[in-house]
Protein backbone atom coordinates (compact mmCIF):
# COMPACT_ATOMS: atom_id res chain seq x y z
CA UNK A 1 -19.95 -7.89 7.10
CA UNK A 2 -21.96 -4.75 6.35
CA UNK A 3 -21.73 -3.72 10.01
CA UNK A 4 -17.96 -4.02 9.84
CA UNK A 5 -17.77 -1.54 6.97
CA UNK A 6 -20.12 0.86 8.79
CA UNK A 7 -18.11 0.61 11.99
CA UNK A 8 -14.86 1.23 10.09
CA UNK A 9 -16.36 4.38 8.58
CA UNK A 10 -17.44 5.57 12.03
CA UNK A 11 -14.04 4.90 13.60
CA UNK A 12 -12.27 6.63 10.71
CA UNK A 13 -14.46 9.72 10.99
CA UNK A 14 -14.05 9.88 14.77
CA UNK A 15 -10.25 9.57 14.44
CA UNK A 16 -9.61 11.49 11.26
CA UNK A 17 -6.41 12.84 12.87
CA UNK A 18 -4.88 9.51 11.80
CA UNK A 19 -4.51 11.07 8.36
CA UNK A 20 -2.08 13.72 9.69
CA UNK A 21 0.93 11.47 10.47
CA UNK A 22 0.17 9.42 7.34
CA UNK A 23 0.27 12.45 5.04
CA UNK A 24 3.31 13.97 6.77
CA UNK A 25 5.17 10.67 6.64
CA UNK A 26 4.48 10.11 2.94
CA UNK A 27 5.46 13.67 2.05
CA UNK A 28 8.68 13.44 4.05
CA UNK A 29 9.59 10.25 2.20
CA UNK A 30 8.76 11.89 -1.14
CA UNK A 31 10.89 14.95 -0.38
CA UNK A 32 13.84 12.92 0.82
CA UNK A 33 13.62 10.58 -2.16
CA UNK A 34 13.51 13.55 -4.55
CA UNK A 35 16.46 15.19 -2.78
CA UNK A 36 18.46 11.95 -2.85
CA UNK A 37 17.94 11.44 -6.58
CA UNK A 38 19.38 14.88 -7.23
CA UNK A 39 22.58 14.13 -5.28
CA UNK A 40 23.23 10.38 -5.68
CA UNK A 41 26.40 10.32 -7.76
CA UNK A 42 28.17 7.35 -6.14
CA UNK A 43 27.38 3.88 -4.84
CA UNK A 44 28.07 4.96 -1.25
CA UNK A 45 25.43 7.68 -1.45
CA UNK A 46 22.91 5.27 -3.01
CA UNK A 47 23.50 2.80 -0.17
CA UNK A 48 23.23 5.51 2.49
CA UNK A 49 20.03 6.90 0.96
CA UNK A 50 18.49 3.43 0.74
CA UNK A 51 19.24 2.69 4.41
CA UNK A 52 17.85 6.09 5.42
CA UNK A 53 14.61 5.47 3.50
CA UNK A 54 14.36 2.02 5.10
CA UNK A 55 14.70 3.44 8.62
CA UNK A 56 12.35 6.35 7.90
CA UNK A 57 9.74 3.92 6.60
CA UNK A 58 10.17 1.75 9.69
CA UNK A 59 9.58 4.73 12.00
CA UNK A 60 6.55 5.98 10.08
CA UNK A 61 4.90 2.55 9.90
CA UNK A 62 5.60 1.77 13.56
CA UNK A 63 4.05 4.95 14.91
CA UNK A 64 1.12 5.05 12.48
CA UNK A 65 -0.05 1.46 12.76
CA UNK A 66 0.23 1.67 16.54
CA UNK A 67 -1.97 4.77 16.44
CA UNK A 68 -4.50 2.84 14.32
CA UNK A 69 -4.57 0.12 16.99
CA UNK A 70 -5.16 2.83 19.58
CA UNK A 71 -8.07 4.21 17.54
CA UNK A 72 -9.61 0.73 17.28
CA UNK A 73 -9.23 0.28 21.05
CA UNK A 74 -10.98 3.63 21.61
CA UNK A 75 -13.91 2.48 19.50
CA UNK A 76 -14.62 -0.22 22.11
CA UNK A 77 -15.04 2.39 24.86
CA UNK A 78 -18.19 4.35 25.64
CA UNK A 79 -17.93 8.15 25.86
CA UNK A 80 -20.74 10.21 27.32
CA UNK A 81 -19.65 13.44 25.66
CA UNK A 82 -18.24 14.00 22.18
CA UNK A 83 -15.61 16.27 23.76
CA UNK A 84 -14.26 13.33 25.74
CA UNK A 85 -14.06 11.23 22.59
CA UNK A 86 -12.25 14.04 20.75
CA UNK A 87 -9.74 14.45 23.59
CA UNK A 88 -9.13 10.71 23.67
CA UNK A 89 -8.57 10.75 19.91
CA UNK A 90 -6.04 13.59 20.24
CA UNK A 91 -4.35 11.55 22.94
CA UNK A 92 -3.29 9.06 20.26
CA UNK A 93 -0.34 11.34 19.52
CA UNK A 94 0.99 10.58 23.01
CA UNK A 95 1.53 6.90 22.17
CA UNK A 96 3.79 7.67 19.19
CA UNK A 97 7.08 7.14 21.13
CA UNK A 98 5.74 3.85 22.50
CA UNK A 99 4.82 2.64 19.00
CA UNK A 100 8.25 3.50 17.62
CA UNK A 101 10.02 1.80 20.52
CA UNK A 102 8.02 -1.41 20.19
CA UNK A 103 7.76 -1.88 16.44
CA UNK A 104 10.52 0.08 14.67
CA UNK A 105 12.73 -2.97 14.12
CA UNK A 106 9.67 -5.06 13.21
CA UNK A 107 8.78 -2.83 10.27
CA UNK A 108 12.37 -2.54 9.15
CA UNK A 109 12.21 -6.33 8.94
CA UNK A 110 8.89 -6.09 7.09
CA UNK A 111 10.44 -4.00 4.32
CA UNK A 112 13.40 -6.35 4.05
CA UNK A 113 11.03 -9.32 3.75
CA UNK A 114 8.95 -7.46 1.15
CA UNK A 115 12.10 -6.95 -0.89
CA UNK A 116 12.87 -10.67 -0.60
CA UNK A 117 9.30 -11.58 -1.61
CA UNK A 118 9.62 -9.36 -4.67
CA UNK A 119 12.88 -11.04 -5.67
CA UNK A 120 11.25 -14.47 -5.40
CA UNK A 121 7.91 -13.57 -6.98
CA UNK A 122 9.18 -11.61 -10.02
CA UNK A 123 10.86 -14.51 -11.87
CA UNK A 124 7.93 -16.80 -11.00
CA UNK A 125 5.43 -14.37 -12.55
CA UNK A 126 7.72 -13.84 -15.54
CA UNK A 127 8.05 -17.56 -16.23
CA UNK A 128 4.31 -17.99 -15.79
CA UNK A 129 3.66 -15.20 -18.29
CA UNK A 130 6.12 -16.61 -20.82
CA UNK A 131 4.43 -20.00 -20.69
CA UNK A 132 0.86 -18.67 -20.77
CA UNK A 133 1.11 -15.47 -22.85
CA UNK A 134 4.41 -15.83 -24.66
CA UNK A 135 6.98 -13.26 -25.74
CA UNK A 136 7.19 -10.72 -28.54
CA UNK A 137 8.76 -11.71 -31.82
CA UNK A 138 12.14 -10.24 -32.76
CA UNK A 139 10.72 -7.65 -35.18
CA UNK A 140 8.27 -6.28 -32.59
CA UNK A 141 10.99 -6.23 -29.95
CA UNK A 142 13.30 -4.14 -32.14
CA UNK A 143 10.44 -1.80 -32.98
CA UNK A 144 9.60 -1.26 -29.33
CA UNK A 145 13.24 -0.66 -28.44
CA UNK A 146 13.43 2.04 -31.10
CA UNK A 147 10.27 3.69 -29.79
CA UNK A 148 11.50 3.51 -26.20
CA UNK A 149 14.86 5.06 -27.13
CA UNK A 150 13.11 8.34 -27.92
CA UNK A 151 14.35 11.03 -25.43
CA UNK A 152 10.73 12.21 -24.98
CA UNK A 153 9.53 8.73 -24.02
CA UNK A 154 9.29 9.54 -20.28
CA UNK A 155 6.98 12.52 -20.87
CA UNK A 156 3.20 12.24 -21.14
CA UNK A 157 3.31 13.25 -24.80
CA UNK A 158 6.02 10.70 -25.51
CA UNK A 159 4.07 7.96 -23.75
CA UNK A 160 0.92 8.84 -25.73
CA UNK A 161 2.90 8.75 -28.97
CA UNK A 162 4.38 5.40 -27.98
CA UNK A 163 0.93 3.90 -27.39
CA UNK A 164 -0.40 5.27 -30.68
CA UNK A 165 2.38 3.54 -32.64
CA UNK A 166 1.63 0.14 -31.16
CA UNK A 167 -0.07 -2.40 -33.39
CA UNK A 168 -3.35 -4.03 -32.26
CA UNK A 169 -1.50 -7.29 -31.64
CA UNK A 170 1.05 -5.51 -29.44
CA UNK A 171 -1.70 -3.75 -27.48
CA UNK A 172 -3.39 -7.10 -26.80
CA UNK A 173 -0.03 -8.59 -25.80
CA UNK A 174 0.75 -5.85 -23.28
CA UNK A 175 -2.84 -5.95 -22.04
CA UNK A 176 -2.48 -9.64 -21.18
CA UNK A 177 0.81 -9.01 -19.36
CA UNK A 178 -0.79 -6.12 -17.43
CA UNK A 179 -3.65 -8.36 -16.32
CA UNK A 180 -1.17 -11.01 -15.22
CA UNK A 181 0.87 -8.56 -13.14
CA UNK A 182 -2.33 -7.11 -11.65
CA UNK A 183 -3.58 -10.58 -10.72
CA UNK A 184 -0.21 -11.55 -9.20
CA UNK A 185 0.00 -8.30 -7.23
CA UNK A 186 -3.56 -8.73 -5.95
CA UNK A 187 -2.80 -12.30 -4.85
CA UNK A 188 0.27 -11.20 -2.89
CA UNK A 189 -1.69 -8.31 -1.34
CA UNK A 190 -4.35 -10.77 -0.20
CA UNK A 191 -1.73 -13.03 1.38
CA UNK A 192 -0.31 -10.05 3.30
CA UNK A 193 -3.66 -8.58 4.38
CA UNK A 194 -3.44 -9.61 8.05
CA UNK A 195 0.33 -9.33 8.35
CA UNK A 196 0.50 -5.89 9.99
CA UNK A 197 -2.29 -6.51 12.57
CA UNK A 198 -0.59 -9.80 13.44
CA UNK A 199 2.62 -7.87 14.21
CA UNK A 200 0.84 -5.20 16.25
CA UNK A 201 -1.43 -7.52 18.24
CA UNK A 202 0.47 -10.80 18.51
CA UNK A 203 4.19 -10.90 17.79
CA UNK A 204 6.82 -8.33 16.89
CA UNK A 205 8.71 -10.93 14.84
CA UNK A 206 7.74 -10.11 11.22
CA UNK A 207 8.71 -13.53 9.85
CA UNK A 208 6.64 -15.44 12.41
CA UNK A 209 3.78 -12.97 11.94
CA UNK A 210 3.85 -13.55 8.18
CA UNK A 211 3.22 -17.28 8.45
CA UNK A 212 0.69 -17.10 11.28
CA UNK A 213 -1.28 -14.35 9.52
CA UNK A 214 -1.48 -16.39 6.31
CA UNK A 215 -2.74 -19.34 8.35
CA UNK A 216 -5.51 -17.19 9.88
CA UNK A 217 -6.31 -15.81 6.45
CA UNK A 218 -7.16 -19.22 5.00
CA UNK A 219 -8.89 -20.49 8.14
CA UNK A 220 -11.44 -17.73 7.63
CA UNK A 221 -11.10 -17.68 3.84
CA UNK A 222 -14.60 -16.64 2.77
CA UNK A 223 -14.81 -13.65 5.10
CA UNK A 224 -11.28 -12.42 4.39
CA UNK A 225 -11.72 -12.91 0.65
CA UNK A 226 -14.99 -10.96 0.63
CA UNK A 227 -13.38 -8.12 2.55
CA UNK A 228 -10.39 -8.06 0.23
CA UNK A 229 -12.56 -8.21 -2.89
CA UNK A 230 -14.71 -5.32 -1.67
CA UNK A 231 -11.70 -3.17 -0.82
CA UNK A 232 -9.99 -4.10 -4.10
CA UNK A 233 -13.00 -3.00 -6.11
CA UNK A 234 -13.32 0.27 -4.17
CA UNK A 235 -9.61 0.97 -4.66
CA UNK A 236 -9.82 0.19 -8.37
CA UNK A 237 -12.71 2.64 -8.86
CA UNK A 238 -10.87 5.32 -6.87
CA UNK A 239 -7.69 4.79 -8.87
CA UNK A 240 -9.69 5.05 -12.09
CA UNK A 241 -11.14 8.39 -10.92
CA UNK A 242 -7.68 9.56 -9.83
CA UNK A 243 -6.30 8.93 -13.33
CA UNK A 244 -8.72 11.44 -14.86
CA UNK A 245 -8.57 13.87 -11.93
CA UNK A 246 -4.95 14.75 -12.76
CA UNK A 247 -6.19 16.93 -15.62
CA UNK A 248 -7.78 19.52 -13.30
CA UNK A 249 -5.87 20.91 -10.25
CA UNK A 250 -8.99 21.27 -8.09
CA UNK A 251 -10.26 17.76 -8.81
CA UNK A 252 -6.73 16.44 -8.29
CA UNK A 253 -6.59 17.93 -4.77
CA UNK A 254 -10.05 16.62 -3.88
CA UNK A 255 -9.33 13.10 -5.14
CA UNK A 256 -5.94 13.12 -3.38
CA UNK A 257 -7.69 13.89 -0.09
CA UNK A 258 -10.13 11.07 -0.84
CA UNK A 259 -7.21 8.72 -1.50
CA UNK A 260 -5.68 9.47 1.91
CA UNK A 261 -9.05 8.97 3.56
CA UNK A 262 -9.42 5.64 1.79
CA UNK A 263 -5.98 4.53 3.01
CA UNK A 264 -6.95 5.30 6.61
CA UNK A 265 -10.34 3.61 6.13
CA UNK A 266 -8.85 0.41 4.71
CA UNK A 267 -6.31 0.12 7.51
CA UNK A 268 -8.91 0.77 10.21
CA UNK A 269 -11.26 -1.80 8.68
CA UNK A 270 -8.62 -4.54 8.59
CA UNK A 271 -7.57 -3.78 12.17
CA UNK A 272 -11.21 -3.81 13.27
CA UNK A 273 -11.78 -7.18 11.62
CA UNK A 274 -8.67 -8.62 13.22
CA UNK A 275 -9.54 -7.27 16.67
CA UNK A 276 -13.15 -8.51 16.48
CA UNK A 277 -12.18 -11.91 15.11
CA UNK A 278 -9.05 -12.76 17.12
CA UNK A 279 -8.83 -10.42 20.13
CA UNK A 280 -12.16 -10.96 21.88
C-alpha cells in the first residue's frame, strides 16, 4: 500500500500538467455560475443555465479523467530520457477530443445519477438523524429562525454573531447533526470511489459501472477502505488548514495550489489502484 502512494506521487509530479485543465475547468464553471446567478430572472433561464452547467461538467470530466488514464498508462512505460517523458506527458492534450467523444454522455449520466442519489439519500439521513439525535424544541426553533432572519446572517460577521448566540445545548445539537452528515457523506463517497475508473476502463454505461464498481469495492474491502481512510484523513487535515489560510492572501493562494495538487493526486492514486488491481 505504501508503494501505491509513492507511485501516485511520482506519476502526479511527472504529469503535473493534469492540473491545468482541472483548474481551467473549475474556474470556467465558477465564472459561468456567477454570471448565471446575476441574470436568472425566470424559470426558463434557470433551466437553460442548469442544462448548460450539466453539459459543461460532462465535457470537463470526460476530457480530464481520460487524461488521467493516459497519465497512468504512461507510468507503465520506460523512458530513457526525461525529455521523452515530458513530451509524452504534453501529448496528453492530444487525446482530449477522444476523451470527450467517448465519455461525454457517460458523465452527463453520472451527474444525473448523483442528483438522484442525493434525492434518495437526503430523506434517509434526515429520518435517521431524527430518530437518533432528535429535533429542536419549539422555543429553540423560533429563536433560531429569528437569528437567521437577520439580513447580515450570510456575512462572516453575521455567522459569527449567530454562533455566539447559540446555547451550549444548541451547539451540541448542531454538532451531532454535522457529524451525522459528515459520516453519511463519507459513506457515499466510499461507495462511489471506483465509479469513475470503472467507466473509463470498463463500460461507458454509468448505471452499470455504478453497480459493478461497488461490487469490486467490497470484494477488496480492506484495501479499498484503507485507501479511502488515508485519503479522507489527508483531505480533512488539508481542509482544516484551508479554513485558517483564508485570513492571509498569500497563504490562501499557497493552500489553494496545494488543494488542486491534492485533487490530482487523489484521482491518480485511485486510477493507479484500479489499473494495478483489475487491468493487469
